[in-house]
Amino acid sequence: MPYSRFPTQRHNIERRIVRRAWSDPEYKARLLADPKAALAEELGVELPEGLRVRVVEEQPDLLCIVVPVDTSGVPEPTVQVMMGVAPGRPSRTRS
């Protein structure tokens, strides 16, 4: 089965959201006010009810660092879903 044109890996989704926010001030305002709805809007999907989404806008005097969840002890299929790699499909890596 070929890969979807829909960006499924987290870094691709984040890049898409940031580009849209930079180019569309109204979308950026919605993203900051209601991140889950804005993300669902851009991706064209319904996000799970229990999923929380937080968006933080960096400023010249504010550096934001995301500490990812510790996946040690988490079964590999669950980790693949968390990282946006569909189970059963090889992840694409840069050469």
N, C-alpha and C. Protein backbone atom coordinates (compact mmCIF):
# COMPACT_ATOMS: atom_id res chain seq x y z
N MET A 1 0.85 -1.18 0.00
CA MET A 1 0.00 0.00 0.00
C MET A 1 0.90 1.24 0.00
N PRO A 2 0.67 2.16 -0.91
CA PRO A 2 1.52 3.36 -0.98
C PRO A 2 1.22 4.30 0.19
N TYR A 3 2.21 5.12 0.50
CA TYR A 3 2.02 6.10 1.54
C TYR A 3 0.99 7.13 1.10
N SER A 4 0.24 7.61 2.05
CA SER A 4 -0.75 8.64 1.81
C SER A 4 -0.04 9.97 1.54
N ARG A 5 -0.67 10.84 0.79
CA ARG A 5 -0.13 12.18 0.60
C ARG A 5 -0.39 13.03 1.83
N PHE A 6 -1.28 12.56 2.70
CA PHE A 6 -1.58 13.23 3.96
C PHE A 6 -0.37 13.09 4.87
N PRO A 7 0.13 14.18 5.45
CA PRO A 7 1.31 14.07 6.31
C PRO A 7 0.95 13.38 7.62
N THR A 8 1.57 12.24 7.89
CA THR A 8 1.23 11.50 9.09
C THR A 8 2.32 11.56 10.14
N GLN A 9 3.54 11.85 9.76
CA GLN A 9 4.58 11.93 10.77
C GLN A 9 4.50 13.28 11.48
N ARG A 10 4.76 13.24 12.76
CA ARG A 10 4.58 14.44 13.59
C ARG A 10 5.31 15.66 13.04
N HIS A 11 6.57 15.51 12.65
CA HIS A 11 7.31 16.68 12.17
C HIS A 11 6.69 17.26 10.91
N ASN A 12 6.10 16.43 10.07
CA ASN A 12 5.43 16.93 8.87
C ASN A 12 4.15 17.68 9.22
N ILE A 13 3.42 17.17 10.18
CA ILE A 13 2.19 17.84 10.62
C ILE A 13 2.54 19.19 11.25
N GLU A 14 3.55 19.20 12.13
CA GLU A 14 3.94 20.45 12.77
C GLU A 14 4.41 21.48 11.75
N ARG A 15 5.18 21.05 10.77
CA ARG A 15 5.67 21.96 9.73
C ARG A 15 4.49 22.57 8.96
N ARG A 16 3.50 21.73 8.64
CA ARG A 16 2.32 22.20 7.91
C ARG A 16 1.54 23.23 8.72
N ILE A 17 1.36 22.96 10.02
CA ILE A 17 0.61 23.87 10.88
C ILE A 17 1.35 25.21 11.02
N VAL A 18 2.67 25.15 11.23
CA VAL A 18 3.45 26.39 11.38
C VAL A 18 3.40 27.21 10.09
N ARG A 19 3.57 26.58 8.96
CA ARG A 19 3.50 27.32 7.68
C ARG A 19 2.16 28.01 7.52
N ARG A 20 1.09 27.31 7.85
CA ARG A 20 -0.25 27.91 7.73
C ARG A 20 -0.39 29.08 8.70
N ALA A 21 0.09 28.91 9.92
CA ALA A 21 -0.01 29.99 10.92
C ALA A 21 0.78 31.21 10.48
N TRP A 22 1.96 31.00 9.90
CA TRP A 22 2.77 32.13 9.43
C TRP A 22 2.12 32.86 8.26
N SER A 23 1.41 32.13 7.41
CA SER A 23 0.85 32.75 6.20
C SER A 23 -0.59 33.23 6.37
N ASP A 24 -1.25 32.83 7.46
CA ASP A 24 -2.67 33.14 7.64
C ASP A 24 -2.90 33.62 9.08
N PRO A 25 -2.87 34.95 9.30
CA PRO A 25 -3.02 35.49 10.66
C PRO A 25 -4.33 35.08 11.34
N GLU A 26 -5.40 34.94 10.58
CA GLU A 26 -6.67 34.52 11.18
C GLU A 26 -6.59 33.09 11.68
N TYR A 27 -5.95 32.22 10.90
CA TYR A 27 -5.76 30.83 11.34
C TYR A 27 -4.88 30.79 12.59
N LYS A 28 -3.82 31.59 12.60
CA LYS A 28 -2.92 31.64 13.75
C LYS A 28 -3.69 32.04 15.01
N ALA A 29 -4.57 33.00 14.90
CA ALA A 29 -5.37 33.42 16.05
C ALA A 29 -6.27 32.28 16.53
N ARG A 30 -6.88 31.54 15.59
CA ARG A 30 -7.71 30.39 15.97
C ARG A 30 -6.85 29.30 16.60
N LEU A 31 -5.66 29.09 16.06
CA LEU A 31 -4.75 28.07 16.57
C LEU A 31 -4.37 28.36 18.02
N LEU A 32 -4.12 29.61 18.33
CA LEU A 32 -3.76 29.99 19.69
C LEU A 32 -4.97 29.96 20.63
N ALA A 33 -6.15 30.31 20.11
CA ALA A 33 -7.36 30.36 20.94
C ALA A 33 -7.98 28.98 21.18
N ASP A 34 -7.99 28.15 20.14
CA ASP A 34 -8.61 26.81 20.21
C ASP A 34 -7.77 25.86 19.37
N PRO A 35 -6.62 25.43 19.91
CA PRO A 35 -5.68 24.65 19.11
C PRO A 35 -6.23 23.34 18.57
N LYS A 36 -7.03 22.66 19.33
CA LYS A 36 -7.57 21.37 18.87
C LYS A 36 -8.47 21.56 17.65
N ALA A 37 -9.34 22.55 17.71
CA ALA A 37 -10.24 22.81 16.58
C ALA A 37 -9.45 23.27 15.35
N ALA A 38 -8.46 24.13 15.56
CA ALA A 38 -7.67 24.63 14.42
C ALA A 38 -6.85 23.52 13.79
N LEU A 39 -6.31 22.63 14.59
CA LEU A 39 -5.56 21.49 14.08
C LEU A 39 -6.47 20.56 13.28
N ALA A 40 -7.62 20.26 13.83
CA ALA A 40 -8.59 19.41 13.12
C ALA A 40 -9.01 20.05 11.81
N GLU A 41 -9.21 21.37 11.83
CA GLU A 41 -9.58 22.11 10.61
C GLU A 41 -8.51 21.95 9.53
N GLU A 42 -7.27 22.18 9.89
CA GLU A 42 -6.19 22.13 8.90
C GLU A 42 -5.97 20.72 8.38
N LEU A 43 -6.07 19.74 9.23
CA LEU A 43 -5.81 18.37 8.81
C LEU A 43 -7.03 17.68 8.22
N GLY A 44 -8.20 18.26 8.45
CA GLY A 44 -9.42 17.68 7.89
C GLY A 44 -9.80 16.37 8.55
N VAL A 45 -9.51 16.24 9.84
CA VAL A 45 -9.84 15.03 10.57
C VAL A 45 -10.48 15.40 11.90
N GLU A 46 -11.20 14.45 12.47
CA GLU A 46 -11.75 14.63 13.81
C GLU A 46 -10.74 14.06 14.78
N LEU A 47 -10.32 14.84 15.73
CA LEU A 47 -9.34 14.39 16.70
C LEU A 47 -10.03 13.67 17.85
N PRO A 48 -9.36 12.68 18.45
CA PRO A 48 -9.98 11.92 19.54
C PRO A 48 -10.43 12.84 20.68
N GLU A 49 -11.55 12.47 21.29
CA GLU A 49 -12.14 13.28 22.36
C GLU A 49 -11.17 13.53 23.51
N GLY A 50 -10.40 12.53 23.90
CA GLY A 50 -9.51 12.67 25.04
C GLY A 50 -8.18 13.34 24.73
N LEU A 51 -7.95 13.67 23.47
CA LEU A 51 -6.68 14.29 23.09
C LEU A 51 -6.68 15.77 23.44
N ARG A 52 -5.66 16.19 24.16
CA ARG A 52 -5.49 17.61 24.47
C ARG A 52 -4.42 18.17 23.55
N VAL A 53 -4.60 19.38 23.09
CA VAL A 53 -3.63 20.04 22.21
C VAL A 53 -3.27 21.38 22.82
N ARG A 54 -1.99 21.63 22.93
CA ARG A 54 -1.52 22.90 23.49
C ARG A 54 -0.58 23.54 22.48
N VAL A 55 -0.79 24.81 22.19
CA VAL A 55 0.07 25.56 21.28
C VAL A 55 0.66 26.72 22.05
N VAL A 56 1.96 26.88 21.93
CA VAL A 56 2.67 27.97 22.59
C VAL A 56 3.43 28.73 21.51
N GLU A 57 3.25 30.03 21.49
CA GLU A 57 3.97 30.86 20.52
C GLU A 57 5.26 31.37 21.15
N GLU A 58 6.38 31.02 20.53
CA GLU A 58 7.65 31.54 21.03
C GLU A 58 7.71 33.04 20.81
N GLN A 59 8.49 33.69 21.67
CA GLN A 59 8.70 35.13 21.59
C GLN A 59 10.20 35.37 21.61
N PRO A 60 10.65 36.57 21.26
CA PRO A 60 12.10 36.84 21.31
C PRO A 60 12.71 36.56 22.68
N ASP A 61 11.91 36.71 23.74
CA ASP A 61 12.44 36.48 25.09
C ASP A 61 11.90 35.20 25.73
N LEU A 62 11.35 34.29 24.91
CA LEU A 62 10.78 33.05 25.43
C LEU A 62 11.18 31.89 24.53
N LEU A 63 11.93 30.95 25.06
CA LEU A 63 12.32 29.75 24.33
C LEU A 63 11.46 28.60 24.83
N CYS A 64 10.79 27.90 23.92
CA CYS A 64 9.94 26.78 24.30
C CYS A 64 10.63 25.47 23.91
N ILE A 65 10.70 24.56 24.86
CA ILE A 65 11.29 23.24 24.62
C ILE A 65 10.25 22.20 24.98
N VAL A 66 10.03 21.25 24.09
CA VAL A 66 9.09 20.17 24.34
C VAL A 66 9.87 18.95 24.80
N VAL A 67 9.51 18.42 25.93
CA VAL A 67 10.11 17.18 26.43
C VAL A 67 9.15 16.06 26.04
N PRO A 68 9.54 15.23 25.08
CA PRO A 68 8.65 14.15 24.63
C PRO A 68 8.39 13.13 25.74
N VAL A 69 7.31 12.40 25.57
CA VAL A 69 6.98 11.35 26.52
C VAL A 69 8.07 10.28 26.50
N ASP A 70 8.40 9.74 27.66
CA ASP A 70 9.37 8.66 27.77
C ASP A 70 8.69 7.38 27.30
N THR A 71 9.17 6.82 26.21
CA THR A 71 8.53 5.63 25.63
C THR A 71 9.16 4.33 26.08
N SER A 72 10.11 4.39 27.01
CA SER A 72 10.68 3.14 27.50
C SER A 72 9.58 2.37 28.24
N GLY A 73 9.45 1.12 27.90
CA GLY A 73 8.42 0.30 28.52
C GLY A 73 7.09 0.35 27.79
N VAL A 74 6.96 1.20 26.77
CA VAL A 74 5.72 1.28 26.00
C VAL A 74 5.86 0.32 24.81
N PRO A 75 4.86 -0.53 24.55
CA PRO A 75 4.94 -1.47 23.42
C PRO A 75 5.18 -0.74 22.10
N GLU A 76 5.99 -1.33 21.23
CA GLU A 76 6.38 -0.70 19.96
C GLU A 76 5.19 -0.24 19.11
N PRO A 77 4.12 -1.04 18.96
CA PRO A 77 2.99 -0.54 18.15
C PRO A 77 2.41 0.76 18.70
N THR A 78 2.37 0.89 20.02
CA THR A 78 1.86 2.12 20.64
C THR A 78 2.80 3.28 20.36
N VAL A 79 4.10 3.03 20.45
CA VAL A 79 5.10 4.07 20.16
C VAL A 79 4.95 4.52 18.71
N GLN A 80 4.76 3.58 17.79
CA GLN A 80 4.61 3.94 16.38
C GLN A 80 3.41 4.85 16.17
N VAL A 81 2.31 4.56 16.83
CA VAL A 81 1.12 5.41 16.71
C VAL A 81 1.42 6.79 17.28
N MET A 82 2.10 6.84 18.44
CA MET A 82 2.42 8.12 19.07
C MET A 82 3.33 8.97 18.19
N MET A 83 4.23 8.33 17.45
CA MET A 83 5.18 9.05 16.61
C MET A 83 4.66 9.30 15.21
N GLY A 84 3.44 8.82 14.93
CA GLY A 84 2.84 9.06 13.62
C GLY A 84 3.30 8.12 12.54
N VAL A 85 3.81 6.95 12.93
CA VAL A 85 4.21 5.95 11.95
C VAL A 85 3.21 4.81 12.06
N ALA A 86 2.51 4.54 10.98
CA ALA A 86 1.48 3.50 11.02
C ALA A 86 2.10 2.14 11.29
N PRO A 87 1.55 1.37 12.23
CA PRO A 87 2.07 0.01 12.48
C PRO A 87 2.01 -0.83 11.21
N GLY A 88 3.02 -1.63 11.01
CA GLY A 88 3.06 -2.49 9.84
C GLY A 88 3.70 -1.87 8.63
N ARG A 89 3.96 -0.57 8.68
CA ARG A 89 4.61 0.12 7.57
C ARG A 89 5.99 0.57 8.02
N PRO A 90 6.97 0.43 7.17
CA PRO A 90 8.29 0.92 7.56
C PRO A 90 8.28 2.43 7.62
N SER A 91 9.01 3.00 8.55
CA SER A 91 9.12 4.45 8.60
C SER A 91 10.07 4.91 7.52
N ARG A 92 9.81 6.07 6.96
CA ARG A 92 10.69 6.62 5.95
C ARG A 92 11.75 7.44 6.63
N THR A 93 12.98 7.21 6.26
CA THR A 93 14.07 7.97 6.84
C THR A 93 14.80 8.70 5.74
N ARG A 94 15.45 9.78 6.12
CA ARG A 94 16.25 10.54 5.15
C ARG A 94 17.57 9.82 4.92
N SER A 95 18.02 9.85 3.69
CA SER A 95 19.29 9.23 3.36
C SER A 95 20.41 10.23 3.42
